[in-house]
Amino acid sequence: MWRLGGLILCGSGIVLWGQTWYPVEGVEPFVHRIICPPEAPQTVIVCADSMPPVAEVWRSNIQFFGGHGFRVSTDSGKTFGQPRLSGFSVRDLLRLDAQTWLAAVVEYVTGGVVLSRDGGQTWLWTEDPRCRSHVVRIQVRPVREPVFYAAVVNTNQGYRVSRDTFATCMGDLTFPVQARDIAVMDTMVYLAADGYLASGVWRSPDSGQTWLKDSVGLENLRVWCVVPSRHQPGVILCGADSLLSETQSVGRGIYRSEDGGKTWRRVGAPGVRITAIAEHPLDPRYWVAAGDTTGVWVSGSYGTGWELHADGLPPGVPVRTVALPAWSTEEGVIAFAGLTGGGLYRSRPIRTSVPSLGHPGGEMSVCVPNRHELSIRYALREGDALCWELVDVLGRVIAQRSVEWQGAGEHVFRWSLPEELAPGWYALRVTTRSGRSGVAAFVVP
């Protein structure tokens, strides 16, 4: 690489210093998924293929051939290792711990989930015979006996649940559905239905036993992705478009629900097909969304206001997926974007100009005097009863505390915890009886 004045000359072309986005070398051009594990901030995993899609129709997922599996970077995306799972198209990857990984794969007309017990080096099929549908998203509810969930396309049983890493799984819903995405938050499961048989966001309050859809505001829309906030209780975002025919659709934008998925309103990217959304693991202000050929949409206001940041991205090349690593946002948020035909891009720190609407619960800060205690400073606009929740990096509630009533104004609350905190990232959530909420993230060294 050579530097000349205000330019960077590299193997992929000339990049202006002032551009927001610049290409990252070392991965294949057709990117499906980018994984940035919060517990391993320097790790970036990219699932990508070398060949273009053969076809994309409303009844099927994108069909890729010549799969190159995935690549792993352990230096924050600067360099990537050799392909793993070569010969397969990897659609998603789930790290249960440093050694146990699951991957959703496609191999021609078959698909399914494969398992690694050596940190992604070698793999075995978990299901025999192989599933003839394509698994595109896998999630886990991390309880004592983990429950695994999958979103599946090319079938009318697009929801799967398993208790044995998909060696066996069930998909017999009472409604036919093809699913583009699935998300798990505590006992809630959210399913993004793509409109082939049933559209919208379906939600299950009992870990997938029964399903409800009160998606006021999402009528007749295909949903590509659904992301419940890990910081803001009851807040969910999704991306949608409308089907015009078997081969055409029109974008509809980013939608937000503040009541757990019952009602929705559009908050950004009107007229844009949104295929992926990501929330920052540490800073609840920042979200990013994959906006197809328009580029990447960014929110610095808790997902309530959005603006387009596309400077440096190749014009007309679809952005299919996005990711936010667990890095500092002191100088702005840094994101990754995966393109369909353009490879991987990384942003310089982005500062949004859309004003924040303010935190629903007022200002709040957290100090950790010792690992048994939190010192919380906060302000209430009016008197209310409070409920505090302490959440770890996996989304598990590890402590709760209720306060019957406090008046308006500034307060300091010293919370003696039932157990010593291990080093790592935590979020503190507060909800008032009247429905307001707030969140603050902190790290225990």
Protein backbone atom coordinates (compact mmCIF):
# COMPACT_ATOMS: atom_id res chain seq x y z
CA MET A 1 0.00 0.00 0.00
CA TRP A 2 1.23 3.48 -0.87
CA ARG A 3 0.04 6.82 0.48
CA LEU A 4 0.01 9.81 -1.82
CA GLY A 5 -1.36 13.12 -0.56
CA GLY A 6 -5.02 12.66 0.31
CA LEU A 7 -5.31 9.26 -1.41
CA ILE A 8 -4.73 5.66 -0.41
CA LEU A 9 -3.53 3.47 -3.31
CA CYS A 10 -4.26 -0.21 -2.75
CA GLY A 11 -4.94 -3.35 -4.72
CA SER A 12 -8.66 -2.64 -5.02
CA GLY A 13 -8.30 0.89 -6.34
CA ILE A 14 -8.03 4.47 -5.06
CA VAL A 15 -9.76 5.39 -1.81
CA LEU A 16 -10.25 9.01 -0.79
CA TRP A 17 -9.34 9.88 2.80
CA GLY A 18 -12.70 11.56 3.27
CA GLN A 19 -14.77 8.52 2.30
CA THR A 20 -16.77 6.76 4.99
CA TRP A 21 -16.29 3.23 3.63
CA TYR A 22 -13.25 1.39 2.31
CA PRO A 23 -12.85 -2.21 1.02
CA VAL A 24 -11.39 -5.01 3.11
CA GLU A 25 -9.36 -7.57 1.20
CA GLY A 26 -9.18 -11.30 1.80
CA VAL A 27 -12.84 -12.43 1.52
CA GLU A 28 -15.06 -13.61 -1.35
CA PRO A 29 -17.29 -11.06 -3.12
CA PHE A 30 -20.78 -12.43 -2.32
CA VAL A 31 -21.22 -11.94 1.44
CA HIS A 32 -24.08 -13.62 3.34
CA ARG A 33 -23.32 -12.90 6.97
CA ILE A 34 -20.81 -11.05 9.15
CA ILE A 35 -20.40 -12.21 12.76
CA CYS A 36 -18.63 -10.05 15.35
CA PRO A 37 -18.81 -11.95 18.67
CA PRO A 38 -19.12 -9.47 21.58
CA GLU A 39 -17.13 -11.79 23.83
CA ALA A 40 -14.22 -11.77 21.32
CA PRO A 41 -14.06 -8.16 20.03
CA GLN A 42 -11.06 -8.74 17.74
CA THR A 43 -12.75 -11.64 15.93
CA VAL A 44 -14.61 -11.02 12.65
CA ILE A 45 -16.16 -13.96 10.78
CA VAL A 46 -17.35 -13.53 7.18
CA CYS A 47 -19.56 -16.09 5.40
CA ALA A 48 -19.18 -15.51 1.66
CA ASP A 49 -19.18 -17.16 -1.77
CA SER A 50 -17.18 -16.66 -4.94
CA MET A 51 -19.98 -17.11 -7.50
CA PRO A 52 -22.96 -14.85 -8.23
CA PRO A 53 -26.55 -15.89 -7.46
CA VAL A 54 -28.25 -17.87 -10.19
CA ALA A 55 -31.68 -16.51 -9.41
CA GLU A 56 -33.61 -14.63 -6.77
CA VAL A 57 -37.38 -15.06 -6.70
CA TRP A 58 -39.89 -14.47 -3.98
CA ARG A 59 -40.35 -18.20 -3.37
CA SER A 60 -36.69 -19.01 -2.84
CA ASN A 61 -33.57 -17.81 -1.17
CA ILE A 62 -30.56 -16.65 -3.18
CA GLN A 63 -29.00 -19.76 -4.76
CA PHE A 64 -25.20 -19.80 -4.55
CA PHE A 65 -22.79 -22.32 -6.04
CA GLY A 66 -19.05 -22.75 -5.67
CA GLY A 67 -19.26 -22.14 -1.94
CA HIS A 68 -16.15 -20.93 -0.15
CA GLY A 69 -17.51 -21.39 3.37
CA PHE A 70 -16.29 -18.71 5.75
CA ARG A 71 -13.10 -16.94 6.80
CA VAL A 72 -11.99 -15.78 10.25
CA SER A 73 -10.02 -12.69 11.24
CA THR A 74 -8.49 -12.41 14.71
CA ASP A 75 -7.05 -8.91 14.20
CA SER A 76 -10.27 -6.86 13.90
CA GLY A 77 -10.71 -7.53 10.17
CA LYS A 78 -7.25 -6.49 9.01
CA THR A 79 -6.37 -9.95 7.67
CA PHE A 80 -8.36 -13.14 7.14
CA GLY A 81 -7.33 -16.79 7.27
CA GLN A 82 -7.92 -19.56 4.76
CA PRO A 83 -11.50 -20.63 3.92
CA ARG A 84 -13.17 -23.10 6.26
CA LEU A 85 -16.07 -25.36 5.23
CA SER A 86 -14.98 -25.03 1.59
CA GLY A 87 -17.51 -26.40 -0.88
CA PHE A 88 -20.48 -25.19 1.15
CA SER A 89 -22.40 -21.95 1.09
CA VAL A 90 -22.50 -20.86 4.74
CA ARG A 91 -25.54 -18.73 5.57
CA ASP A 92 -25.04 -18.30 9.33
CA LEU A 93 -22.69 -19.30 12.12
CA LEU A 94 -23.28 -19.59 15.86
CA ARG A 95 -20.46 -19.83 18.43
CA LEU A 96 -21.70 -21.60 21.55
CA ASP A 97 -18.25 -21.28 23.12
CA ALA A 98 -14.66 -21.05 21.91
CA GLN A 99 -14.69 -24.67 20.69
CA THR A 100 -18.34 -25.51 19.89
CA TRP A 101 -19.67 -23.90 16.71
CA LEU A 102 -22.78 -24.47 14.57
CA ALA A 103 -23.08 -23.44 10.92
CA ALA A 104 -26.11 -23.26 8.63
CA VAL A 105 -25.01 -24.50 5.20
CA VAL A 106 -26.31 -25.08 1.68
CA GLU A 107 -24.90 -27.68 -0.72
CA TYR A 108 -26.77 -27.63 -4.03
CA VAL A 109 -30.34 -28.79 -3.30
CA THR A 110 -29.67 -29.95 0.26
CA GLY A 111 -28.92 -28.00 3.40
CA GLY A 112 -28.88 -28.17 7.14
CA VAL A 113 -26.70 -27.54 10.16
CA VAL A 114 -23.15 -28.78 10.76
CA LEU A 115 -21.30 -28.96 14.08
CA SER A 116 -17.67 -28.31 15.04
CA ARG A 117 -16.11 -29.15 18.40
CA ASP A 118 -12.66 -27.75 17.64
CA GLY A 119 -13.30 -24.06 17.07
CA GLY A 120 -14.49 -24.32 13.47
CA GLN A 121 -11.64 -26.44 12.08
CA THR A 122 -13.50 -29.69 11.33
CA TRP A 123 -17.23 -30.27 10.87
CA LEU A 124 -19.86 -33.02 10.99
CA TRP A 125 -23.47 -33.10 9.84
CA THR A 126 -25.85 -33.03 12.79
CA GLU A 127 -28.83 -34.44 10.89
CA ASP A 128 -29.17 -37.56 8.73
CA PRO A 129 -30.70 -37.57 6.20
CA ARG A 130 -29.87 -34.00 5.24
CA CYS A 131 -32.61 -31.41 5.20
CA ARG A 132 -33.75 -30.56 1.67
CA SER A 133 -34.56 -27.02 2.68
CA HIS A 134 -32.11 -24.21 3.26
CA VAL A 135 -31.41 -23.06 6.82
CA VAL A 136 -30.54 -19.35 6.72
CA ARG A 137 -30.47 -18.35 10.40
CA ILE A 138 -29.74 -20.17 13.67
CA GLN A 139 -30.21 -18.93 17.22
CA VAL A 140 -30.01 -20.32 20.75
CA ARG A 141 -31.80 -19.62 24.00
CA PRO A 142 -28.93 -19.99 26.52
CA VAL A 143 -30.55 -21.81 29.42
CA ARG A 144 -29.24 -24.79 31.40
CA GLU A 145 -30.47 -27.09 28.59
CA PRO A 146 -30.10 -24.85 25.51
CA VAL A 147 -32.88 -24.67 22.95
CA PHE A 148 -31.92 -24.06 19.32
CA TYR A 149 -34.02 -22.30 16.70
CA ALA A 150 -33.71 -21.98 12.91
CA ALA A 151 -35.27 -19.97 10.08
CA VAL A 152 -35.68 -22.03 6.92
CA VAL A 153 -36.60 -21.19 3.30
CA ASN A 154 -37.81 -23.33 0.39
CA THR A 155 -40.36 -25.04 2.61
CA ASN A 156 -43.72 -24.43 4.25
CA GLN A 157 -42.17 -25.40 7.62
CA GLY A 158 -39.78 -22.51 7.88
CA TYR A 159 -39.50 -22.63 11.68
CA ARG A 160 -37.42 -25.35 13.36
CA VAL A 161 -36.67 -26.01 17.02
CA SER A 162 -34.18 -28.47 18.51
CA ARG A 163 -32.69 -29.44 21.87
CA ASP A 164 -29.72 -31.43 20.52
CA THR A 165 -27.86 -29.02 18.17
CA PHE A 166 -30.22 -29.97 15.30
CA ALA A 167 -29.51 -33.71 15.34
CA THR A 168 -33.29 -33.84 15.58
CA CYS A 169 -35.65 -30.94 15.11
CA MET A 170 -39.33 -30.14 14.75
CA GLY A 171 -41.04 -27.80 12.31
CA ASP A 172 -44.73 -28.63 12.46
CA LEU A 173 -46.29 -25.20 12.87
CA THR A 174 -50.02 -24.80 12.67
CA PHE A 175 -49.48 -22.23 9.93
CA PRO A 176 -47.35 -22.59 6.76
CA VAL A 177 -44.44 -20.15 6.72
CA GLN A 178 -41.15 -19.50 4.96
CA ALA A 179 -38.81 -17.63 7.31
CA ARG A 180 -35.97 -15.24 6.48
CA ASP A 181 -34.89 -14.56 10.06
CA ILE A 182 -35.46 -15.65 13.64
CA ALA A 183 -34.57 -13.93 16.92
CA VAL A 184 -34.70 -15.02 20.57
CA MET A 185 -35.03 -12.76 23.60
CA ASP A 186 -35.66 -14.45 26.97
CA THR A 187 -38.77 -16.60 26.38
CA MET A 188 -39.88 -14.61 23.32
CA VAL A 189 -39.18 -15.87 19.80
CA TYR A 190 -39.67 -13.64 16.75
CA LEU A 191 -40.00 -14.95 13.19
CA ALA A 192 -39.62 -12.88 10.00
CA ALA A 193 -42.04 -14.33 7.42
CA ASP A 194 -41.31 -13.51 3.81
CA GLY A 195 -44.74 -13.46 2.21
CA TYR A 196 -44.65 -16.74 0.29
CA LEU A 197 -47.29 -18.27 2.57
CA ALA A 198 -47.55 -15.91 5.54
CA SER A 199 -46.00 -12.45 5.84
CA GLY A 200 -45.05 -10.18 8.71
CA VAL A 201 -43.46 -10.66 12.12
CA TRP A 202 -44.76 -13.57 14.16
CA ARG A 203 -44.05 -13.70 17.89
CA SER A 204 -44.18 -16.49 20.42
CA PRO A 205 -44.32 -15.67 24.17
CA ASP A 206 -43.69 -19.30 25.19
CA SER A 207 -40.45 -20.24 23.41
CA GLY A 208 -42.15 -21.27 20.16
CA GLN A 209 -45.10 -23.30 21.42
CA THR A 210 -47.80 -20.89 20.22
CA TRP A 211 -47.65 -17.99 17.77
CA LEU A 212 -49.32 -14.58 17.50
CA LYS A 213 -49.29 -11.87 14.87
CA ASP A 214 -50.73 -8.45 15.72
CA SER A 215 -48.49 -6.65 13.23
CA VAL A 216 -50.47 -3.43 12.82
CA GLY A 217 -48.39 -1.32 10.43
CA LEU A 218 -46.77 -4.26 8.62
CA GLU A 219 -49.81 -5.38 6.64
CA ASN A 220 -48.93 -7.43 3.51
CA LEU A 221 -45.19 -6.73 3.79
CA ARG A 222 -42.41 -9.27 3.35
CA VAL A 223 -40.07 -9.12 6.35
CA TRP A 224 -36.38 -9.85 5.75
CA CYS A 225 -35.01 -9.40 9.25
CA VAL A 226 -36.24 -8.95 12.81
CA VAL A 227 -34.03 -7.69 15.67
CA PRO A 228 -35.25 -7.23 19.26
CA SER A 229 -33.17 -4.68 21.17
CA ARG A 230 -30.95 -6.16 23.85
CA HIS A 231 -30.93 -2.78 25.61
CA GLN A 232 -34.48 -1.36 25.30
CA PRO A 233 -37.28 -3.60 26.64
CA GLY A 234 -40.13 -4.08 24.17
CA VAL A 235 -38.29 -2.44 21.26
CA ILE A 236 -37.97 -4.47 18.03
CA LEU A 237 -36.82 -3.37 14.57
CA CYS A 238 -37.43 -5.08 11.24
CA GLY A 239 -36.74 -4.49 7.54
CA ALA A 240 -39.36 -4.99 4.86
CA ASP A 241 -40.41 -4.77 1.23
CA SER A 242 -43.57 -5.48 -0.79
CA LEU A 243 -43.89 -8.18 -3.43
CA LEU A 244 -45.06 -7.00 -6.86
CA SER A 245 -44.63 -10.33 -8.65
CA GLU A 246 -42.59 -13.53 -8.39
CA THR A 247 -39.46 -11.65 -9.44
CA GLN A 248 -40.06 -8.03 -8.41
CA SER A 249 -40.48 -6.17 -5.15
CA VAL A 250 -40.43 -2.60 -3.88
CA GLY A 251 -38.65 -1.50 -0.72
CA ARG A 252 -40.59 -0.28 2.31
CA GLY A 253 -37.91 0.62 4.84
CA ILE A 254 -37.13 0.18 8.54
CA TYR A 255 -39.97 -0.41 10.99
CA ARG A 256 -39.94 -0.12 14.79
CA SER A 257 -42.19 -1.58 17.46
CA GLU A 258 -42.19 -0.36 21.06
CA ASP A 259 -44.77 -2.83 22.39
CA GLY A 260 -43.09 -6.15 21.74
CA GLY A 261 -44.21 -6.51 18.13
CA LYS A 262 -47.92 -5.72 18.40
CA THR A 263 -47.81 -2.44 16.44
CA TRP A 264 -45.23 -0.98 14.06
CA ARG A 265 -44.32 2.34 12.47
CA ARG A 266 -41.80 3.17 9.79
CA VAL A 267 -38.82 5.11 11.17
CA GLY A 268 -36.35 5.19 8.27
CA ALA A 269 -35.26 4.35 4.70
CA PRO A 270 -38.63 4.84 2.92
CA GLY A 271 -38.71 3.06 -0.41
CA VAL A 272 -35.65 0.91 0.42
CA ARG A 273 -35.46 -2.86 0.77
CA ILE A 274 -33.82 -3.58 4.15
CA THR A 275 -32.33 -7.07 4.38
CA ALA A 276 -30.37 -6.90 7.67
CA ILE A 277 -30.26 -4.76 10.82
CA ALA A 278 -27.72 -4.79 13.66
CA GLU A 279 -27.65 -3.13 17.10
CA HIS A 280 -24.37 -2.14 18.75
CA PRO A 281 -23.50 -4.63 21.52
CA LEU A 282 -22.36 -1.93 23.97
CA ASP A 283 -23.81 1.44 22.95
CA PRO A 284 -27.64 1.39 22.67
CA ARG A 285 -27.68 4.56 20.56
CA TYR A 286 -26.24 2.95 17.45
CA TRP A 287 -27.93 0.73 14.86
CA VAL A 288 -27.07 -0.01 11.21
CA ALA A 289 -29.16 -1.44 8.36
CA ALA A 290 -28.33 -2.99 4.99
CA GLY A 291 -30.13 -0.84 2.45
CA ASP A 292 -29.70 -2.80 -0.80
CA THR A 293 -28.34 -0.59 -3.62
CA THR A 294 -28.71 2.62 -1.57
CA GLY A 295 -25.94 1.65 0.89
CA VAL A 296 -25.91 1.54 4.70
CA TRP A 297 -28.39 3.34 6.93
CA VAL A 298 -27.22 4.39 10.40
CA SER A 299 -29.06 5.45 13.56
CA GLY A 300 -27.38 7.23 16.46
CA SER A 301 -30.68 7.80 18.26
CA TYR A 302 -31.67 4.37 19.63
CA GLY A 303 -33.13 3.33 16.26
CA THR A 304 -35.67 6.16 16.14
CA GLY A 305 -34.05 8.29 13.39
CA TRP A 306 -31.95 7.13 10.42
CA GLU A 307 -29.64 8.59 7.79
CA LEU A 308 -27.81 7.17 4.77
CA HIS A 309 -24.01 6.73 4.83
CA ALA A 310 -22.85 5.37 1.47
CA ASP A 311 -19.75 7.41 0.59
CA GLY A 312 -17.11 4.96 -0.65
CA LEU A 313 -19.46 2.04 -1.35
CA PRO A 314 -19.59 0.98 -5.05
CA PRO A 315 -22.69 2.51 -6.69
CA GLY A 316 -25.48 0.10 -7.56
CA VAL A 317 -24.01 -2.91 -5.72
CA PRO A 318 -26.46 -4.28 -3.12
CA VAL A 319 -25.50 -4.21 0.56
CA ARG A 320 -26.91 -7.48 1.84
CA THR A 321 -25.74 -7.66 5.46
CA VAL A 322 -24.19 -5.47 8.20
CA ALA A 323 -22.49 -5.92 11.57
CA LEU A 324 -21.38 -3.77 14.51
CA PRO A 325 -18.35 -5.00 16.47
CA ALA A 326 -18.12 -4.39 20.22
CA TRP A 327 -15.71 -1.50 19.80
CA SER A 328 -15.62 1.93 21.41
CA THR A 329 -17.96 4.58 20.00
CA GLU A 330 -16.12 7.51 21.58
CA GLU A 331 -15.16 8.87 18.14
CA GLY A 332 -18.19 7.41 16.33
CA VAL A 333 -19.47 3.99 15.40
CA ILE A 334 -17.48 1.60 13.17
CA ALA A 335 -19.45 -0.88 11.04
CA PHE A 336 -18.91 -3.69 8.53
CA ALA A 337 -21.00 -4.09 5.37
CA GLY A 338 -21.26 -7.22 3.23
CA LEU A 339 -22.11 -6.69 -0.44
CA THR A 340 -23.58 -9.02 -3.07
CA GLY A 341 -20.74 -8.93 -5.59
CA GLY A 342 -18.64 -6.27 -3.88
CA GLY A 343 -17.11 -8.11 -0.93
CA LEU A 344 -16.54 -6.71 2.55
CA TYR A 345 -16.34 -3.02 3.49
CA ARG A 346 -15.42 -1.34 6.77
CA SER A 347 -16.37 2.17 7.82
CA ARG A 348 -14.36 4.88 9.44
CA PRO A 349 -15.98 6.22 12.65
CA ILE A 350 -19.46 7.51 11.77
CA ARG A 351 -21.11 10.35 13.65
CA THR A 352 -24.79 10.77 12.90
CA SER A 353 -26.48 14.13 12.49
CA VAL A 354 -30.01 12.90 13.20
CA PRO A 355 -30.72 14.28 16.69
CA SER A 356 -31.37 11.82 19.48
CA LEU A 357 -34.88 11.94 20.87
CA GLY A 358 -33.48 11.58 24.36
CA HIS A 359 -33.44 8.57 26.60
CA PRO A 360 -36.93 7.50 27.70
CA GLY A 361 -35.96 7.15 31.32
CA GLY A 362 -33.77 10.24 31.66
CA GLU A 363 -29.98 10.42 32.07
CA MET A 364 -28.29 7.44 33.74
CA SER A 365 -24.68 6.42 34.52
CA VAL A 366 -23.17 3.39 36.24
CA CYS A 367 -20.00 3.04 38.33
CA VAL A 368 -18.59 -0.23 39.74
CA PRO A 369 -16.95 0.47 43.15
CA ASN A 370 -16.34 -3.28 43.52
CA ARG A 371 -17.59 -6.46 41.89
CA HIS A 372 -20.34 -6.86 44.49
CA GLU A 373 -21.85 -3.39 44.05
CA LEU A 374 -23.13 -0.90 41.47
CA SER A 375 -23.47 2.83 42.00
CA ILE A 376 -26.20 4.17 39.70
CA ARG A 377 -26.83 7.88 39.15
CA TYR A 378 -30.04 8.78 37.32
CA ALA A 379 -32.75 11.38 36.95
CA LEU A 380 -36.55 11.03 36.83
CA ARG A 381 -38.72 13.57 35.07
CA GLU A 382 -41.61 12.58 37.36
CA GLY A 383 -42.16 10.26 40.31
CA ASP A 384 -42.59 6.56 39.57
CA ALA A 385 -41.93 2.97 40.68
CA LEU A 386 -38.83 1.33 39.17
CA CYS A 387 -37.65 -2.14 38.21
CA TRP A 388 -33.91 -2.70 37.64
CA GLU A 389 -32.44 -5.58 35.62
CA LEU A 390 -28.76 -6.48 35.21
CA VAL A 391 -28.06 -8.31 31.92
CA ASP A 392 -24.85 -10.04 30.79
CA VAL A 393 -23.33 -10.21 27.29
CA LEU A 394 -25.49 -13.23 26.36
CA GLY A 395 -28.69 -11.41 27.26
CA ARG A 396 -29.31 -13.30 30.50
CA VAL A 397 -30.89 -11.43 33.43
CA ILE A 398 -28.52 -12.13 36.34
CA ALA A 399 -30.06 -9.82 38.97
CA GLN A 400 -33.29 -7.86 39.52
CA ARG A 401 -34.36 -5.21 42.01
CA SER A 402 -37.61 -3.23 42.44
CA VAL A 403 -38.04 0.20 44.01
CA GLU A 404 -41.61 0.96 45.04
CA TRP A 405 -41.56 4.74 44.54
CA GLN A 406 -39.17 7.60 43.97
CA GLY A 407 -39.93 11.24 43.33
CA ALA A 408 -38.83 13.38 40.41
CA GLY A 409 -35.24 14.64 40.31
CA GLU A 410 -31.72 13.22 40.59
CA HIS A 411 -31.00 10.03 42.54
CA VAL A 412 -28.08 7.78 43.46
CA PHE A 413 -28.84 4.09 44.01
CA ARG A 414 -26.20 1.73 45.47
CA TRP A 415 -27.10 -1.84 44.55
CA SER A 416 -25.48 -4.69 46.50
CA LEU A 417 -25.46 -7.64 44.09
CA PRO A 418 -26.18 -11.26 45.11
CA GLU A 419 -23.01 -12.53 43.37
CA GLU A 420 -19.65 -11.09 42.37
CA LEU A 421 -19.53 -9.86 38.77
CA ALA A 422 -17.15 -11.63 36.42
CA PRO A 423 -15.07 -9.47 34.05
CA GLY A 424 -16.96 -8.52 30.89
CA TRP A 425 -19.72 -6.42 29.39
CA TYR A 426 -23.06 -5.75 31.13
CA ALA A 427 -26.20 -3.73 30.51
CA LEU A 428 -28.36 -2.16 33.21
CA ARG A 429 -32.02 -1.76 32.28
CA VAL A 430 -34.65 0.20 34.17
CA THR A 431 -38.41 0.19 33.54
CA THR A 432 -40.95 2.40 35.26
CA ARG A 433 -44.48 1.40 36.19
CA SER A 434 -45.80 3.94 33.70
CA GLY A 435 -43.91 2.26 30.84
CA ARG A 436 -40.82 4.44 30.41
CA SER A 437 -37.45 2.69 30.12
CA GLY A 438 -33.73 3.34 30.00
CA VAL A 439 -30.48 1.46 29.60
CA ALA A 440 -26.79 1.96 30.33
CA ALA A 441 -23.88 -0.28 29.29
CA PHE A 442 -20.67 -0.78 31.26
CA VAL A 443 -17.62 -3.05 31.38
CA VAL A 444 -16.18 -4.79 34.44
CA PRO A 445 -12.40 -5.08 33.91
